[in-house]
């Protein structure tokens, strides 16, 4: 259960879900929230970094 590859995959999935929610979130009026987009972008950055570096071994 403490396999580093498994932990990396769980991290990528969770941060990917957070990034998707943050970037696509709209208020009741249909306007995007700056705070949601900001933290969604940070989550996407971490998601892609771990995916590329630890899982795929690209850099």
PDB file of N, CA and C in Angstrom:
ATOM      1  N   UNK A   1       0.819  -1.200   0.000  1.00  0.00           N
ATOM      2  CA  UNK A   1       0.000   0.000   0.000  1.00  0.00           C
ATOM      3  C   UNK A   1       0.859   1.259   0.000  1.00  0.00           C
ATOM      4  N   UNK A   2       2.101   1.168   0.430  1.00  0.00           N
ATOM      5  CA  UNK A   2       2.956   2.345   0.458  1.00  0.00           C
ATOM      6  C   UNK A   2       3.864   2.411  -0.772  1.00  0.00           C
ATOM      7  N   UNK A   3       3.437   1.807  -1.860  1.00  0.00           N
ATOM      8  CA  UNK A   3       4.195   1.848  -3.103  1.00  0.00           C
ATOM      9  C   UNK A   3       4.228   3.291  -3.622  1.00  0.00           C
ATOM     10  N   UNK A   4       5.411   3.852  -3.881  1.00  0.00           N
ATOM     11  CA  UNK A   4       5.489   5.245  -4.330  1.00  0.00           C
ATOM     12  C   UNK A   4       4.736   5.500  -5.645  1.00  0.00           C
ATOM     13  N   UNK A   5       4.727   4.530  -6.536  1.00  0.00           N
ATOM     14  CA  UNK A   5       4.022   4.705  -7.803  1.00  0.00           C
ATOM     15  C   UNK A   5       2.514   4.827  -7.571  1.00  0.00           C
ATOM     16  N   UNK A   6       1.980   4.022  -6.641  1.00  0.00           N
ATOM     17  CA  UNK A   6       0.556   4.086  -6.306  1.00  0.00           C
ATOM     18  C   UNK A   6       0.202   5.444  -5.708  1.00  0.00           C
ATOM     19  N   UNK A   7       1.043   5.946  -4.824  1.00  0.00           N
ATOM     20  CA  UNK A   7       0.812   7.245  -4.200  1.00  0.00           C
ATOM     21  C   UNK A   7       0.852   8.350  -5.247  1.00  0.00           C
ATOM     22  N   UNK A   8       1.784   8.263  -6.198  1.00  0.00           N
ATOM     23  CA  UNK A   8       1.859   9.242  -7.268  1.00  0.00           C
ATOM     24  C   UNK A   8       0.597   9.231  -8.130  1.00  0.00           C
ATOM     25  N   UNK A   9       0.089   8.057  -8.443  1.00  0.00           N
ATOM     26  CA  UNK A   9      -1.115   7.957  -9.261  1.00  0.00           C
ATOM     27  C   UNK A   9      -2.316   8.538  -8.519  1.00  0.00           C
ATOM     28  N   UNK A  10      -2.437   8.240  -7.230  1.00  0.00           N
ATOM     29  CA  UNK A  10      -3.538   8.806  -6.432  1.00  0.00           C
ATOM     30  C   UNK A  10      -3.409  10.324  -6.378  1.00  0.00           C
ATOM     31  N   UNK A  11      -2.204  10.833  -6.205  1.00  0.00           N
ATOM     32  CA  UNK A  11      -1.968  12.278  -6.165  1.00  0.00           C
ATOM     33  C   UNK A  11      -2.374  12.937  -7.474  1.00  0.00           C
ATOM     34  N   UNK A  12      -2.013  12.322  -8.597  1.00  0.00           N
ATOM     35  CA  UNK A  12      -2.351  12.889  -9.902  1.00  0.00           C
ATOM     36  C   UNK A  12      -3.865  12.899 -10.109  1.00  0.00           C
ATOM     37  N   UNK A  13      -4.535  11.835  -9.717  1.00  0.00           N
ATOM     38  CA  UNK A  13      -5.990  11.777  -9.878  1.00  0.00           C
ATOM     39  C   UNK A  13      -6.676  12.834  -9.014  1.00  0.00           C
ATOM     40  N   UNK A  14      -6.267  12.945  -7.765  1.00  0.00           N
ATOM     41  CA  UNK A  14      -6.905  13.906  -6.854  1.00  0.00           C
ATOM     42  C   UNK A  14      -6.643  15.342  -7.300  1.00  0.00           C
ATOM     43  N   UNK A  15      -5.410  15.670  -7.638  1.00  0.00           N
ATOM     44  CA  UNK A  15      -5.120  17.033  -8.081  1.00  0.00           C
ATOM     45  C   UNK A  15      -5.755  17.315  -9.437  1.00  0.00           C
ATOM     46  N   UNK A  16      -5.911  16.307 -10.271  1.00  0.00           N
ATOM     47  CA  UNK A  16      -6.606  16.501 -11.543  1.00  0.00           C
ATOM     48  C   UNK A  16      -8.073  16.829 -11.334  1.00  0.00           C
ATOM     49  N   UNK A  17      -8.705  16.163 -10.389  1.00  0.00           N
ATOM     50  CA  UNK A  17     -10.109  16.459 -10.072  1.00  0.00           C
ATOM     51  C   UNK A  17     -10.240  17.868  -9.495  1.00  0.00           C
ATOM     52  N   UNK A  18      -9.336  18.237  -8.614  1.00  0.00           N
ATOM     53  CA  UNK A  18      -9.355  19.588  -8.039  1.00  0.00           C
ATOM     54  C   UNK A  18      -9.134  20.633  -9.121  1.00  0.00           C
ATOM     55  N   UNK A  19      -8.194  20.378 -10.029  1.00  0.00           N
ATOM     56  CA  UNK A  19      -7.922  21.319 -11.111  1.00  0.00           C
ATOM     57  C   UNK A  19      -9.126  21.466 -12.033  1.00  0.00           C
ATOM     58  N   UNK A  20      -9.758  20.362 -12.373  1.00  0.00           N
ATOM     59  CA  UNK A  20     -10.939  20.416 -13.240  1.00  0.00           C
ATOM     60  C   UNK A  20     -12.058  21.220 -12.587  1.00  0.00           C
ATOM     61  N   UNK A  21     -12.306  20.960 -11.312  1.00  0.00           N
ATOM     62  CA  UNK A  21     -13.352  21.694 -10.607  1.00  0.00           C
ATOM     63  C   UNK A  21     -13.021  23.183 -10.533  1.00  0.00           C
ATOM     64  N   UNK A  22     -11.781  23.508 -10.200  1.00  0.00           N
ATOM     65  CA  UNK A  22     -11.394  24.908 -10.048  1.00  0.00           C
ATOM     66  C   UNK A  22     -11.443  25.687 -11.345  1.00  0.00           C
ATOM     67  N   UNK A  23     -11.054  25.065 -12.435  1.00  0.00           N
ATOM     68  CA  UNK A  23     -11.001  25.774 -13.712  1.00  0.00           C
ATOM     69  C   UNK A  23     -12.384  25.881 -14.353  1.00  0.00           C
ATOM     70  N   UNK A  24     -13.245  24.901 -14.157  1.00  0.00           N
ATOM     71  CA  UNK A  24     -14.566  24.926 -14.800  1.00  0.00           C
ATOM     72  C   UNK A  24     -15.666  25.482 -13.905  1.00  0.00           C
ATOM     73  N   UNK A  25     -15.368  25.878 -12.664  1.00  0.00           N
ATOM     74  CA  UNK A  25     -16.380  26.367 -11.731  1.00  0.00           C
ATOM     75  C   UNK A  25     -16.998  27.668 -12.228  1.00  0.00           C
ATOM     76  N   UNK A  26     -18.311  27.776 -12.111  1.00  0.00           N
ATOM     77  CA  UNK A  26     -19.041  29.002 -12.424  1.00  0.00           C
ATOM     78  C   UNK A  26     -19.999  29.299 -11.280  1.00  0.00           C
ATOM     79  N   UNK A  27     -20.204  30.571 -10.995  1.00  0.00           N
ATOM     80  CA  UNK A  27     -21.160  30.957  -9.959  1.00  0.00           C
ATOM     81  C   UNK A  27     -22.583  30.809 -10.506  1.00  0.00           C
ATOM     82  N   UNK A  28     -23.564  31.103  -9.660  1.00  0.00           N
ATOM     83  CA  UNK A  28     -24.963  31.003 -10.096  1.00  0.00           C
ATOM     84  C   UNK A  28     -25.273  31.962 -11.242  1.00  0.00           C
ATOM     85  N   UNK A  29     -24.543  33.056 -11.305  1.00  0.00           N
ATOM     86  CA  UNK A  29     -24.737  34.026 -12.390  1.00  0.00           C
ATOM     87  C   UNK A  29     -23.990  33.634 -13.661  1.00  0.00           C
ATOM     88  N   UNK A  30     -23.182  32.592 -13.595  1.00  0.00           N
ATOM     89  CA  UNK A  30     -22.439  32.128 -14.756  1.00  0.00           C
ATOM     90  C   UNK A  30     -21.049  32.717 -14.902  1.00  0.00           C
ATOM     91  N   UNK A  31     -20.591  33.437 -13.890  1.00  0.00           N
ATOM     92  CA  UNK A  31     -19.278  34.067 -13.941  1.00  0.00           C
ATOM     93  C   UNK A  31     -18.229  33.166 -13.292  1.00  0.00           C
ATOM     94  N   UNK A  32     -17.040  33.103 -13.865  1.00  0.00           N
ATOM     95  CA  UNK A  32     -15.973  32.308 -13.233  1.00  0.00           C
ATOM     96  C   UNK A  32     -15.449  33.026 -11.986  1.00  0.00           C
ATOM     97  N   UNK A  33     -14.989  32.240 -11.027  1.00  0.00           N
ATOM     98  CA  UNK A  33     -14.432  32.785  -9.795  1.00  0.00           C
ATOM     99  C   UNK A  33     -12.911  32.830  -9.924  1.00  0.00           C
ATOM    100  N   UNK A  34     -12.341  33.971  -9.628  1.00  0.00           N
ATOM    101  CA  UNK A  34     -10.887  34.128  -9.729  1.00  0.00           C
ATOM    102  C   UNK A  34     -10.126  33.233  -8.768  1.00  0.00           C
ATOM    103  N   UNK A  35     -10.666  33.070  -7.570  1.00  0.00           N
ATOM    104  CA  UNK A  35     -10.003  32.231  -6.567  1.00  0.00           C
ATOM    105  C   UNK A  35     -10.024  30.773  -7.001  1.00  0.00           C
ATOM    106  N   UNK A  36     -11.165  30.300  -7.514  1.00  0.00           N
ATOM    107  CA  UNK A  36     -11.243  28.921  -7.999  1.00  0.00           C
ATOM    108  C   UNK A  36     -10.275  28.697  -9.161  1.00  0.00           C
ATOM    109  N   UNK A  37     -10.200  29.649 -10.077  1.00  0.00           N
ATOM    110  CA  UNK A  37      -9.288  29.500 -11.212  1.00  0.00           C
ATOM    111  C   UNK A  37      -7.831  29.508 -10.762  1.00  0.00           C
ATOM    112  N   UNK A  38      -7.517  30.334  -9.787  1.00  0.00           N
ATOM    113  CA  UNK A  38      -6.145  30.418  -9.283  1.00  0.00           C
ATOM    114  C   UNK A  38      -5.707  29.086  -8.671  1.00  0.00           C
ATOM    115  N   UNK A  39      -6.515  28.563  -7.750  1.00  0.00           N
ATOM    116  CA  UNK A  39      -6.138  27.311  -7.099  1.00  0.00           C
ATOM    117  C   UNK A  39      -6.281  26.118  -8.043  1.00  0.00           C
ATOM    118  N   UNK A  40      -7.197  26.186  -8.999  1.00  0.00           N
ATOM    119  CA  UNK A  40      -7.290  25.147 -10.014  1.00  0.00           C
ATOM    120  C   UNK A  40      -6.046  25.108 -10.891  1.00  0.00           C
ATOM    121  N   UNK A  41      -5.522  26.275 -11.211  1.00  0.00           N
ATOM    122  CA  UNK A  41      -4.298  26.341 -12.015  1.00  0.00           C
ATOM    123  C   UNK A  41      -3.095  25.797 -11.255  1.00  0.00           C
ATOM    124  N   UNK A  42      -3.026  26.092  -9.967  1.00  0.00           N
ATOM    125  CA  UNK A  42      -1.944  25.548  -9.141  1.00  0.00           C
ATOM    126  C   UNK A  42      -2.048  24.027  -9.072  1.00  0.00           C
ATOM    127  N   UNK A  43      -3.262  23.513  -8.880  1.00  0.00           N
ATOM    128  CA  UNK A  43      -3.463  22.060  -8.828  1.00  0.00           C
ATOM    129  C   UNK A  43      -3.085  21.421 -10.158  1.00  0.00           C
ATOM    130  N   UNK A  44      -3.434  22.066 -11.272  1.00  0.00           N
ATOM    131  CA  UNK A  44      -3.072  21.536 -12.591  1.00  0.00           C
ATOM    132  C   UNK A  44      -1.559  21.510 -12.770  1.00  0.00           C
ATOM    133  N   UNK A  45      -0.880  22.526 -12.299  1.00  0.00           N
ATOM    134  CA  UNK A  45       0.579  22.565 -12.388  1.00  0.00           C
ATOM    135  C   UNK A  45       1.207  21.396 -11.630  1.00  0.00           C
ATOM    136  N   UNK A  46       0.754  21.158 -10.399  1.00  0.00           N
ATOM    137  CA  UNK A  46       1.276  20.031  -9.622  1.00  0.00           C
ATOM    138  C   UNK A  46       0.909  18.693 -10.257  1.00  0.00           C
ATOM    139  N   UNK A  47      -0.306  18.596 -10.770  1.00  0.00           N
ATOM    140  CA  UNK A  47      -0.753  17.360 -11.415  1.00  0.00           C
ATOM    141  C   UNK A  47       0.147  17.017 -12.605  1.00  0.00           C
ATOM    142  N   UNK A  48       0.378  17.975 -13.467  1.00  0.00           N
ATOM    143  CA  UNK A  48       1.203  17.723 -14.650  1.00  0.00           C
ATOM    144  C   UNK A  48       2.669  17.511 -14.303  1.00  0.00           C
ATOM    145  N   UNK A  49       3.149  18.177 -13.261  1.00  0.00           N
ATOM    146  CA  UNK A  49       4.539  17.993 -12.840  1.00  0.00           C
ATOM    147  C   UNK A  49       4.782  16.578 -12.339  1.00  0.00           C
ATOM    148  N   UNK A  50       3.905  16.092 -11.469  1.00  0.00           N
ATOM    149  CA  UNK A  50       4.067  14.733 -10.939  1.00  0.00           C
ATOM    150  C   UNK A  50       3.844  13.709 -12.040  1.00  0.00           C
ATOM    151  N   UNK A  51       2.877  13.960 -12.910  1.00  0.00           N
ATOM    152  CA  UNK A  51       2.626  13.034 -14.020  1.00  0.00           C
ATOM    153  C   UNK A  51       3.848  12.933 -14.923  1.00  0.00           C
ATOM    154  N   UNK A  52       4.398  14.058 -15.318  1.00  0.00           N
ATOM    155  CA  UNK A  52       5.533  14.048 -16.231  1.00  0.00           C
ATOM    156  C   UNK A  52       6.833  13.592 -15.603  1.00  0.00           C
ATOM    157  N   UNK A  53       7.056  13.973 -14.367  1.00  0.00           N
ATOM    158  CA  UNK A  53       8.347  13.692 -13.723  1.00  0.00           C
ATOM    159  C   UNK A  53       8.381  12.306 -13.085  1.00  0.00           C
ATOM    160  N   UNK A  54       7.406  11.987 -12.257  1.00  0.00           N
ATOM    161  CA  UNK A  54       7.473  10.762 -11.457  1.00  0.00           C
ATOM    162  C   UNK A  54       6.846   9.560 -12.152  1.00  0.00           C
ATOM    163  N   UNK A  55       5.762   9.771 -12.885  1.00  0.00           N
ATOM    164  CA  UNK A  55       5.084   8.631 -13.494  1.00  0.00           C
ATOM    165  C   UNK A  55       5.624   8.325 -14.881  1.00  0.00           C
ATOM    166  N   UNK A  56       5.706   9.342 -15.739  1.00  0.00           N
ATOM    167  CA  UNK A  56       6.161   9.090 -17.108  1.00  0.00           C
ATOM    168  C   UNK A  56       7.680   9.185 -17.257  1.00  0.00           C
ATOM    169  N   UNK A  57       8.354   9.860 -16.332  1.00  0.00           N
ATOM    170  CA  UNK A  57       9.807   9.978 -16.374  1.00  0.00           C
ATOM    171  C   UNK A  57      10.312  10.832 -17.524  1.00  0.00           C
ATOM    172  N   UNK A  58       9.575  11.869 -17.888  1.00  0.00           N
ATOM    173  CA  UNK A  58       9.968  12.706 -19.026  1.00  0.00           C
ATOM    174  C   UNK A  58      11.105  13.657 -18.706  1.00  0.00           C
ATOM    175  N   UNK A  59      11.143  14.182 -17.495  1.00  0.00           N
ATOM    176  CA  UNK A  59      12.214  15.112 -17.115  1.00  0.00           C
ATOM    177  C   UNK A  59      12.597  14.920 -15.689  1.00  0.00           C
TER     178      UNK A  59
END
